C-alpha atoms as a PDB file:
ATOM      1  CA  MET A   1     -16.647  24.417  80.220  1.00  0.00           C
ATOM      2  CA  GLU A   2     -19.963  26.160  79.783  1.00  0.00           C
ATOM      3  CA  ASP A   3     -18.535  28.528  77.161  1.00  0.00           C
ATOM      4  CA  LEU A   4     -17.467  25.527  75.083  1.00  0.00           C
ATOM      5  CA  LEU A   5     -20.924  23.966  75.089  1.00  0.00           C
ATOM      6  CA  PHE A   6     -22.894  27.116  74.300  1.00  0.00           C
ATOM      7  CA  PHE A   7     -21.526  29.259  71.546  1.00  0.00           C
ATOM      8  CA  GLU A   8     -22.662  32.107  69.384  1.00  0.00           C
ATOM      9  CA  PRO A   9     -24.328  31.357  66.073  1.00  0.00           C
ATOM     10  CA  ILE A  10     -21.854  30.849  63.276  1.00  0.00           C
ATOM     11  CA  GLN A  11     -19.993  34.119  62.846  1.00  0.00           C
ATOM     12  CA  HIS A  12     -17.176  32.619  60.819  1.00  0.00           C
ATOM     13  CA  SER A  13     -17.370  30.700  57.609  1.00  0.00           C
ATOM     14  CA  LEU A  14     -16.773  26.983  58.149  1.00  0.00           C
ATOM     15  CA  ALA A  15     -14.031  25.573  55.937  1.00  0.00           C
ATOM     16  CA  LYS A  16     -15.161  23.630  52.901  1.00  0.00           C
ATOM     17  CA  LYS A  17     -14.530  19.900  53.068  1.00  0.00           C
ATOM     18  CA  ARG A  18     -12.406  19.945  49.920  1.00  0.00           C
ATOM     19  CA  LEU A  19     -10.067  22.541  51.467  1.00  0.00           C
ATOM     20  CA  ARG A  20      -9.787  20.389  54.584  1.00  0.00           C
ATOM     21  CA  PHE A  21      -9.056  17.341  52.411  1.00  0.00           C
ATOM     22  CA  PHE A  22      -6.292  19.113  50.480  1.00  0.00           C
ATOM     23  CA  ALA A  23      -4.823  20.525  53.713  1.00  0.00           C
ATOM     24  CA  ALA A  24      -4.724  17.024  55.222  1.00  0.00           C
ATOM     25  CA  PHE A  25      -3.230  15.633  51.994  1.00  0.00           C
ATOM     26  CA  ILE A  26      -0.442  18.240  52.074  1.00  0.00           C
ATOM     27  CA  ASP A  27       0.256  17.633  55.778  1.00  0.00           C
ATOM     28  CA  TYR A  28       0.403  13.865  55.462  1.00  0.00           C
ATOM     29  CA  PHE A  29       2.427  14.030  52.241  1.00  0.00           C
ATOM     30  CA  VAL A  30       5.012  16.110  54.117  1.00  0.00           C
ATOM     31  CA  TYR A  31       4.798  13.642  57.022  1.00  0.00           C
ATOM     32  CA  VAL A  32       5.436  10.664  54.723  1.00  0.00           C
ATOM     33  CA  VAL A  33       8.386  12.428  53.054  1.00  0.00           C
ATOM     34  CA  VAL A  34       9.938  13.277  56.438  1.00  0.00           C
ATOM     35  CA  CYS A  35       9.423   9.689  57.659  1.00  0.00           C
ATOM     36  CA  PHE A  36      10.948   8.358  54.449  1.00  0.00           C
ATOM     37  CA  ILE A  37      13.994  10.578  54.917  1.00  0.00           C
ATOM     38  CA  ILE A  38      14.316   9.444  58.547  1.00  0.00           C
ATOM     39  CA  GLY A  39      13.900   5.809  57.542  1.00  0.00           C
ATOM     40  CA  TYR A  40      16.280   6.007  54.630  1.00  0.00           C
ATOM     41  CA  THR A  41      19.006   7.827  56.543  1.00  0.00           C
ATOM     42  CA  ILE A  42      18.886   6.079  59.936  1.00  0.00           C
ATOM     43  CA  GLY A  43      16.596   3.096  59.440  1.00  0.00           C
ATOM     44  CA  GLU A  44      17.653  -0.504  58.836  1.00  0.00           C
ATOM     45  CA  LYS A  45      17.863  -0.776  55.036  1.00  0.00           C
ATOM     46  CA  TYR A  46      17.031  -3.837  52.943  1.00  0.00           C
ATOM     47  CA  THR A  47      16.230  -4.638  49.313  1.00  0.00           C
ATOM     48  CA  PRO A  48      12.712  -5.965  48.804  1.00  0.00           C
ATOM     49  CA  GLU A  49      12.019  -8.758  46.333  1.00  0.00           C
ATOM     50  CA  GLY A  50      11.724  -7.243  42.896  1.00  0.00           C
ATOM     51  CA  GLY A  51      14.000  -4.325  43.760  1.00  0.00           C
ATOM     52  CA  GLY A  52      13.212  -0.928  45.188  1.00  0.00           C
ATOM     53  CA  ILE A  53      14.062   0.682  48.485  1.00  0.00           C
ATOM     54  CA  GLY A  54      13.122  -0.774  51.822  1.00  0.00           C
ATOM     55  CA  PHE A  55      13.828   0.111  55.408  1.00  0.00           C
ATOM     56  CA  HIS A  56      12.642  -0.829  58.836  1.00  0.00           C
ATOM     57  CA  LEU A  57      12.173   1.639  61.667  1.00  0.00           C
ATOM     58  CA  SER A  58      12.379   0.574  65.265  1.00  0.00           C
ATOM     59  CA  GLY A  59      13.509   2.164  68.499  1.00  0.00           C
ATOM     60  CA  PHE A  60      14.377   5.852  68.409  1.00  0.00           C
ATOM     61  CA  PRO A  61      13.742   6.399  64.645  1.00  0.00           C
ATOM     62  CA  ALA A  62      10.246   4.943  65.011  1.00  0.00           C
ATOM     63  CA  LEU A  63       9.652   7.115  68.070  1.00  0.00           C
ATOM     64  CA  VAL A  64      10.711  10.227  66.138  1.00  0.00           C
ATOM     65  CA  SER A  65       8.212   9.380  63.397  1.00  0.00           C
ATOM     66  CA  LEU A  66       5.392   9.030  65.913  1.00  0.00           C
ATOM     67  CA  LEU A  67       6.407  12.219  67.725  1.00  0.00           C
ATOM     68  CA  ILE A  68       6.167  14.140  64.458  1.00  0.00           C
ATOM     69  CA  TRP A  69       2.583  12.914  64.033  1.00  0.00           C
ATOM     70  CA  PHE A  70       1.464  13.440  67.629  1.00  0.00           C
ATOM     71  CA  LEU A  71       3.464  16.539  68.535  1.00  0.00           C
ATOM     72  CA  ILE A  72       4.398  18.635  65.521  1.00  0.00           C
ATOM     73  CA  PHE A  73       0.894  18.866  64.020  1.00  0.00           C
ATOM     74  CA  PRO A  74      -0.788  19.574  67.390  1.00  0.00           C
ATOM     75  CA  VAL A  75       1.858  22.109  68.428  1.00  0.00           C
ATOM     76  CA  LEU A  76       1.480  24.002  65.143  1.00  0.00           C
ATOM     77  CA  GLU A  77      -2.311  23.945  65.461  1.00  0.00           C
ATOM     78  CA  SER A  78      -2.223  25.146  69.062  1.00  0.00           C
ATOM     79  CA  LEU A  79       0.070  28.073  68.209  1.00  0.00           C
ATOM     80  CA  GLU A  80      -1.777  29.613  65.264  1.00  0.00           C
ATOM     81  CA  GLY A  81      -4.482  27.060  64.466  1.00  0.00           C
ATOM     82  CA  GLN A  82      -2.674  25.977  61.331  1.00  0.00           C
ATOM     83  CA  THR A  83      -0.381  23.336  59.931  1.00  0.00           C
ATOM     84  CA  LEU A  84       1.403  23.851  56.601  1.00  0.00           C
ATOM     85  CA  GLY A  85      -1.556  22.423  54.699  1.00  0.00           C
ATOM     86  CA  LYS A  86      -4.010  24.670  56.519  1.00  0.00           C
ATOM     87  CA  VAL A  87      -1.828  27.725  55.839  1.00  0.00           C
ATOM     88  CA  LEU A  88      -1.789  26.925  52.123  1.00  0.00           C
ATOM     89  CA  MET A  89      -5.571  26.302  52.077  1.00  0.00           C
ATOM     90  CA  LYS A  90      -6.234  29.425  54.218  1.00  0.00           C
ATOM     91  CA  ILE A  91      -8.154  27.586  56.938  1.00  0.00           C
ATOM     92  CA  LYS A  92      -7.566  27.149  60.652  1.00  0.00           C
ATOM     93  CA  VAL A  93      -8.671  25.171  63.712  1.00  0.00           C
ATOM     94  CA  THR A  94     -10.504  26.879  66.568  1.00  0.00           C
ATOM     95  CA  ARG A  95     -12.613  25.867  69.537  1.00  0.00           C
ATOM     96  CA  ILE A  96     -16.314  25.685  68.777  1.00  0.00           C
ATOM     97  CA  ASN A  97     -16.686  29.153  70.312  1.00  0.00           C
ATOM     98  CA  TYR A  98     -14.055  30.390  67.772  1.00  0.00           C
ATOM     99  CA  SER A  99     -11.367  31.054  70.342  1.00  0.00           C
ATOM    100  CA  LYS A 100      -7.845  29.677  69.979  1.00  0.00           C
ATOM    101  CA  SER A 101      -7.647  25.895  70.335  1.00  0.00           C
ATOM    102  CA  SER A 102      -5.427  24.393  73.007  1.00  0.00           C
ATOM    103  CA  LEU A 103      -2.578  21.923  72.697  1.00  0.00           C
ATOM    104  CA  SER A 104      -4.659  19.221  74.407  1.00  0.00           C
ATOM    105  CA  GLN A 105      -7.518  19.765  71.943  1.00  0.00           C
ATOM    106  CA  SER A 106      -5.110  19.481  69.021  1.00  0.00           C
ATOM    107  CA  ILE A 107      -3.599  16.282  70.410  1.00  0.00           C
ATOM    108  CA  ILE A 108      -7.087  14.816  70.817  1.00  0.00           C
ATOM    109  CA  ARG A 109      -7.966  15.820  67.222  1.00  0.00           C
ATOM    110  CA  HIS A 110      -4.923  13.982  65.922  1.00  0.00           C
ATOM    111  CA  LEU A 111      -5.425  10.905  68.091  1.00  0.00           C
ATOM    112  CA  PHE A 112      -8.617  10.412  66.096  1.00  0.00           C
ATOM    113  CA  ASP A 113      -6.883  10.757  62.716  1.00  0.00           C
ATOM    114  CA  PHE A 114      -6.719   6.975  62.709  1.00  0.00           C
ATOM    115  CA  VAL A 115     -10.524   6.850  62.816  1.00  0.00           C
ATOM    116  CA  ASP A 116     -11.100   9.706  60.372  1.00  0.00           C
ATOM    117  CA  TYR A 117      -8.447   9.065  57.734  1.00  0.00           C
ATOM    118  CA  LEU A 118      -6.940   5.614  57.819  1.00  0.00           C
ATOM    119  CA  PRO A 119      -9.872   3.305  57.313  1.00  0.00           C
ATOM    120  CA  PHE A 120     -10.955   3.678  53.703  1.00  0.00           C
ATOM    121  CA  PHE A 121      -8.773   6.714  52.873  1.00  0.00           C
ATOM    122  CA  GLY A 122     -10.720   9.348  54.817  1.00  0.00           C
ATOM    123  CA  ILE A 123     -14.239   8.301  53.940  1.00  0.00           C
ATOM    124  CA  VAL A 124     -15.204   8.003  57.636  1.00  0.00           C
ATOM    125  CA  GLY A 125     -14.170  11.596  58.353  1.00  0.00           C
ATOM    126  CA  LEU A 126     -15.915  12.795  55.178  1.00  0.00           C
ATOM    127  CA  ILE A 127     -19.187  11.044  56.059  1.00  0.00           C
ATOM    128  CA  VAL A 128     -19.125  12.332  59.630  1.00  0.00           C
ATOM    129  CA  ALA A 129     -18.265  15.901  58.515  1.00  0.00           C
ATOM    130  CA  SER A 130     -21.080  15.775  55.960  1.00  0.00           C
ATOM    131  CA  SER A 131     -23.545  14.651  58.620  1.00  0.00           C
ATOM    132  CA  ASN A 132     -23.338  17.549  61.074  1.00  0.00           C
ATOM    133  CA  ALA A 133     -23.953  21.294  60.954  1.00  0.00           C
ATOM    134  CA  LEU A 134     -20.427  22.295  62.013  1.00  0.00           C
ATOM    135  CA  LYS A 135     -18.721  20.015  59.444  1.00  0.00           C
ATOM    136  CA  GLN A 136     -16.775  18.300  62.219  1.00  0.00           C
ATOM    137  CA  ARG A 137     -14.974  15.021  61.718  1.00  0.00           C
ATOM    138  CA  VAL A 138     -14.761  12.567  64.635  1.00  0.00           C
ATOM    139  CA  GLY A 139     -11.575  14.186  65.983  1.00  0.00           C
ATOM    140  CA  ASP A 140     -13.216  17.623  65.938  1.00  0.00           C
ATOM    141  CA  ILE A 141     -16.339  16.375  67.709  1.00  0.00           C
ATOM    142  CA  VAL A 142     -14.333  14.742  70.492  1.00  0.00           C
ATOM    143  CA  ALA A 143     -11.948  17.721  70.832  1.00  0.00           C
ATOM    144  CA  MET A 144     -14.793  20.278  70.500  1.00  0.00           C
ATOM    145  CA  THR A 145     -13.106  22.117  67.632  1.00  0.00           C
ATOM    146  CA  VAL A 146     -14.128  23.394  64.209  1.00  0.00           C
ATOM    147  CA  VAL A 147     -12.177  24.314  61.088  1.00  0.00           C
ATOM    148  CA  ILE A 148     -12.940  27.733  59.674  1.00  0.00           C
ATOM    149  CA  ASP A 149     -11.813  29.942  56.806  1.00  0.00           C
ATOM    150  CA  LYS A 150      -9.021  32.223  57.926  1.00  0.00           C
END
């Protein structure tokens, strides 16, 4: 635990907030597309007023959608520190001492996505990341991780 609290001065370049934003946008765009495909293929379909496509997910399909959010992103981050968006933006997640992040740290990071991204379209995460030296959003602070240039 001590090595997580005391770390060397910044030896890696911290990722720019715009790269982190675009990486998150790519990841969640892919997530929405996958959930739409799941919902459209195995969800309960209906036609909303005014036309369009509607579906309702419950039971196993809803569970699959949540598992993608809470397992796929953290597993990818714990393996190489990167999701698809982070690969494309050439950034990665590490512990604050720049060692490989763990699966539990990645899960914690993504549990706080609801705080960082959902209220007001990411403004909370942006304000928090702009207010600290390591550019950490709430999920990073709690998980003791940073996002660096690869």
